[in-house]
Amino acid sequence: MTTEYQTPTYPVVQFLVARGKGLSIALSGLLLLVLGGFGLASGALWLLPAALVAAGVLLGLLLSYVEVLRIIADTLIPKY
């Protein structure tokens, strides 16, 4: 009985490395639209600048996460 070792492929990591920047921008834009739209619909205009700040913070966090994930993937996942 022989079992051959197969290196893990990590499909989620590969997906996020390939499409992480676009997803970060899309999610931040979606947050901006939802919070901004809710602020306009409810009349709470203070939500508009809060939506801008929240979307900017989310974009920064997600882009930094994707960058760290790229570094980890480049150093730890074997290349073929």
N, C-alpha and C. Protein backbone atom coordinates (compact mmCIF):
# COMPACT_ATOMS: atom_id res chain seq x y z
N MET A 1 0.84 -1.17 0.00
CA MET A 1 0.00 0.00 0.00
C MET A 1 0.89 1.24 0.00
N THR A 2 0.87 1.99 -1.06
CA THR A 2 1.67 3.21 -1.16
C THR A 2 0.74 4.40 -1.32
N THR A 3 1.03 5.39 -0.59
CA THR A 3 0.28 6.64 -0.73
C THR A 3 1.27 7.71 -1.16
N GLU A 4 0.98 8.30 -2.27
CA GLU A 4 1.84 9.36 -2.79
C GLU A 4 1.42 10.69 -2.19
N TYR A 5 2.40 11.47 -1.84
CA TYR A 5 2.13 12.79 -1.28
C TYR A 5 1.78 13.74 -2.41
N GLN A 6 0.68 14.42 -2.27
CA GLN A 6 0.28 15.44 -3.23
C GLN A 6 0.29 16.78 -2.53
N THR A 7 0.96 17.72 -3.15
CA THR A 7 1.01 19.05 -2.55
C THR A 7 -0.36 19.70 -2.61
N PRO A 8 -0.75 20.37 -1.55
CA PRO A 8 -2.06 21.04 -1.55
C PRO A 8 -2.10 22.17 -2.58
N THR A 9 -3.27 22.40 -3.14
CA THR A 9 -3.40 23.42 -4.19
C THR A 9 -3.94 24.74 -3.67
N TYR A 10 -4.65 24.75 -2.57
CA TYR A 10 -5.21 25.97 -1.97
C TYR A 10 -5.99 26.80 -3.00
N PRO A 11 -7.13 26.31 -3.46
CA PRO A 11 -7.88 27.04 -4.50
C PRO A 11 -8.40 28.41 -4.05
N VAL A 12 -8.77 28.55 -2.79
CA VAL A 12 -9.28 29.84 -2.32
C VAL A 12 -8.16 30.88 -2.31
N VAL A 13 -6.98 30.47 -1.86
CA VAL A 13 -5.84 31.39 -1.86
C VAL A 13 -5.50 31.81 -3.28
N GLN A 14 -5.49 30.85 -4.20
CA GLN A 14 -5.19 31.18 -5.59
C GLN A 14 -6.25 32.10 -6.18
N PHE A 15 -7.51 31.88 -5.83
CA PHE A 15 -8.58 32.75 -6.31
C PHE A 15 -8.41 34.18 -5.78
N LEU A 16 -8.10 34.30 -4.48
CA LEU A 16 -7.94 35.63 -3.90
C LEU A 16 -6.68 36.33 -4.40
N VAL A 17 -5.63 35.59 -4.67
CA VAL A 17 -4.42 36.19 -5.23
C VAL A 17 -4.71 36.71 -6.64
N ALA A 18 -5.47 35.96 -7.41
CA ALA A 18 -5.76 36.35 -8.79
C ALA A 18 -6.77 37.49 -8.88
N ARG A 19 -7.78 37.48 -8.02
CA ARG A 19 -8.88 38.43 -8.16
C ARG A 19 -9.11 39.30 -6.94
N GLY A 20 -8.15 39.34 -6.04
CA GLY A 20 -8.33 40.05 -4.78
C GLY A 20 -8.49 41.55 -4.91
N LYS A 21 -7.73 42.16 -5.81
CA LYS A 21 -7.81 43.62 -5.95
C LYS A 21 -9.19 44.04 -6.46
N GLY A 22 -9.68 43.33 -7.45
CA GLY A 22 -11.01 43.64 -7.99
C GLY A 22 -12.11 43.41 -6.97
N LEU A 23 -12.00 42.33 -6.21
CA LEU A 23 -12.99 42.06 -5.17
C LEU A 23 -12.95 43.12 -4.08
N SER A 24 -11.76 43.58 -3.73
CA SER A 24 -11.63 44.62 -2.71
C SER A 24 -12.32 45.90 -3.16
N ILE A 25 -12.08 46.28 -4.39
CA ILE A 25 -12.71 47.50 -4.92
C ILE A 25 -14.22 47.33 -5.01
N ALA A 26 -14.67 46.15 -5.46
CA ALA A 26 -16.11 45.91 -5.60
C ALA A 26 -16.81 45.93 -4.23
N LEU A 27 -16.23 45.29 -3.23
CA LEU A 27 -16.86 45.27 -1.91
C LEU A 27 -16.87 46.65 -1.26
N SER A 28 -15.81 47.41 -1.45
CA SER A 28 -15.78 48.77 -0.90
C SER A 28 -16.79 49.66 -1.62
N GLY A 29 -16.89 49.51 -2.91
CA GLY A 29 -17.89 50.27 -3.66
C GLY A 29 -19.31 49.90 -3.27
N LEU A 30 -19.53 48.61 -3.04
CA LEU A 30 -20.85 48.17 -2.60
C LEU A 30 -21.21 48.75 -1.23
N LEU A 31 -20.25 48.75 -0.33
CA LEU A 31 -20.48 49.36 0.99
C LEU A 31 -20.80 50.84 0.85
N LEU A 32 -20.06 51.53 0.00
CA LEU A 32 -20.30 52.95 -0.22
C LEU A 32 -21.70 53.18 -0.79
N LEU A 33 -22.10 52.39 -1.76
CA LEU A 33 -23.43 52.54 -2.35
C LEU A 33 -24.54 52.23 -1.35
N VAL A 34 -24.38 51.16 -0.59
CA VAL A 34 -25.44 50.77 0.35
C VAL A 34 -25.58 51.80 1.47
N LEU A 35 -24.45 52.15 2.10
CA LEU A 35 -24.53 53.14 3.19
C LEU A 35 -24.95 54.51 2.68
N GLY A 36 -24.40 54.92 1.55
CA GLY A 36 -24.78 56.21 0.98
C GLY A 36 -26.24 56.25 0.57
N GLY A 37 -26.70 55.17 -0.05
CA GLY A 37 -28.10 55.10 -0.45
C GLY A 37 -29.04 55.08 0.74
N PHE A 38 -28.64 54.35 1.78
CA PHE A 38 -29.46 54.33 2.99
C PHE A 38 -29.49 55.70 3.65
N GLY A 39 -28.35 56.39 3.62
CA GLY A 39 -28.30 57.73 4.20
C GLY A 39 -29.19 58.70 3.44
N LEU A 40 -29.18 58.61 2.12
CA LEU A 40 -30.05 59.49 1.33
C LEU A 40 -31.52 59.13 1.49
N ALA A 41 -31.83 57.84 1.52
CA ALA A 41 -33.22 57.41 1.63
C ALA A 41 -33.82 57.74 2.99
N SER A 42 -33.02 57.65 4.03
CA SER A 42 -33.55 57.89 5.37
C SER A 42 -33.45 59.36 5.79
N GLY A 43 -32.71 60.14 5.04
CA GLY A 43 -32.56 61.54 5.39
C GLY A 43 -31.43 61.80 6.38
N ALA A 44 -30.72 60.77 6.74
CA ALA A 44 -29.58 60.91 7.66
C ALA A 44 -28.34 61.22 6.83
N LEU A 45 -28.15 62.50 6.56
CA LEU A 45 -27.06 62.89 5.67
C LEU A 45 -25.68 62.71 6.28
N TRP A 46 -25.62 62.50 7.59
CA TRP A 46 -24.33 62.24 8.22
C TRP A 46 -23.76 60.89 7.79
N LEU A 47 -24.64 60.02 7.23
CA LEU A 47 -24.16 58.72 6.76
C LEU A 47 -23.33 58.83 5.49
N LEU A 48 -23.47 59.91 4.74
CA LEU A 48 -22.70 60.05 3.50
C LEU A 48 -21.20 60.16 3.77
N PRO A 49 -20.73 61.07 4.63
CA PRO A 49 -19.29 61.06 4.90
C PRO A 49 -18.85 59.81 5.67
N ALA A 50 -19.72 59.27 6.51
CA ALA A 50 -19.38 58.03 7.22
C ALA A 50 -19.22 56.88 6.23
N ALA A 51 -20.05 56.86 5.19
CA ALA A 51 -19.94 55.82 4.16
C ALA A 51 -18.62 55.95 3.40
N LEU A 52 -18.23 57.19 3.12
CA LEU A 52 -16.96 57.41 2.43
C LEU A 52 -15.79 56.95 3.27
N VAL A 53 -15.80 57.27 4.55
CA VAL A 53 -14.71 56.87 5.44
C VAL A 53 -14.70 55.35 5.61
N ALA A 54 -15.87 54.75 5.81
CA ALA A 54 -15.95 53.31 6.00
C ALA A 54 -15.49 52.55 4.75
N ALA A 55 -15.87 53.04 3.57
CA ALA A 55 -15.45 52.40 2.33
C ALA A 55 -13.95 52.53 2.13
N GLY A 56 -13.39 53.68 2.49
CA GLY A 56 -11.94 53.87 2.37
C GLY A 56 -11.17 52.97 3.32
N VAL A 57 -11.66 52.85 4.55
CA VAL A 57 -11.00 51.98 5.53
C VAL A 57 -11.10 50.52 5.09
N LEU A 58 -12.28 50.12 4.63
CA LEU A 58 -12.45 48.75 4.16
C LEU A 58 -11.55 48.46 2.97
N LEU A 59 -11.46 49.39 2.05
CA LEU A 59 -10.59 49.20 0.88
C LEU A 59 -9.14 49.04 1.32
N GLY A 60 -8.69 49.87 2.22
CA GLY A 60 -7.31 49.75 2.70
C GLY A 60 -7.04 48.43 3.38
N LEU A 61 -7.97 47.99 4.22
CA LEU A 61 -7.81 46.71 4.92
C LEU A 61 -7.80 45.54 3.95
N LEU A 62 -8.73 45.54 3.00
CA LEU A 62 -8.81 44.42 2.06
C LEU A 62 -7.60 44.38 1.14
N LEU A 63 -7.15 45.54 0.66
CA LEU A 63 -5.98 45.55 -0.21
C LEU A 63 -4.73 45.10 0.53
N SER A 64 -4.60 45.48 1.80
CA SER A 64 -3.44 45.02 2.57
C SER A 64 -3.53 43.52 2.83
N TYR A 65 -4.73 43.00 3.06
CA TYR A 65 -4.91 41.56 3.24
C TYR A 65 -4.51 40.81 1.99
N VAL A 66 -4.92 41.30 0.84
CA VAL A 66 -4.58 40.65 -0.42
C VAL A 66 -3.07 40.70 -0.66
N GLU A 67 -2.44 41.80 -0.31
CA GLU A 67 -0.99 41.92 -0.48
C GLU A 67 -0.24 40.93 0.41
N VAL A 68 -0.67 40.81 1.66
CA VAL A 68 -0.05 39.84 2.57
C VAL A 68 -0.29 38.42 2.07
N LEU A 69 -1.48 38.15 1.58
CA LEU A 69 -1.78 36.84 1.04
C LEU A 69 -0.92 36.52 -0.18
N ARG A 70 -0.65 37.52 -1.01
CA ARG A 70 0.25 37.31 -2.16
C ARG A 70 1.66 36.98 -1.71
N ILE A 71 2.13 37.66 -0.68
CA ILE A 71 3.47 37.38 -0.16
C ILE A 71 3.53 35.96 0.39
N ILE A 72 2.53 35.57 1.15
CA ILE A 72 2.50 34.23 1.71
C ILE A 72 2.42 33.19 0.60
N ALA A 73 1.58 33.44 -0.38
CA ALA A 73 1.44 32.48 -1.48
C ALA A 73 2.73 32.36 -2.28
N ASP A 74 3.42 33.47 -2.50
CA ASP A 74 4.68 33.42 -3.25
C ASP A 74 5.77 32.67 -2.51
N THR A 75 5.78 32.75 -1.19
CA THR A 75 6.86 32.12 -0.44
C THR A 75 6.54 30.70 -0.01
N LEU A 76 5.29 30.37 0.20
CA LEU A 76 4.98 29.06 0.76
C LEU A 76 4.37 28.05 -0.20
N ILE A 77 3.67 28.51 -1.22
CA ILE A 77 3.05 27.58 -2.14
C ILE A 77 4.06 27.23 -3.24
N PRO A 78 4.34 25.95 -3.44
CA PRO A 78 5.33 25.57 -4.45
C PRO A 78 4.87 25.91 -5.87
N LYS A 79 5.81 26.28 -6.69
CA LYS A 79 5.54 26.59 -8.10
C LYS A 79 5.84 25.35 -8.94
N TYR A 80 5.10 25.18 -9.98
CA TYR A 80 5.34 24.03 -10.86
C TYR A 80 5.91 24.46 -12.17
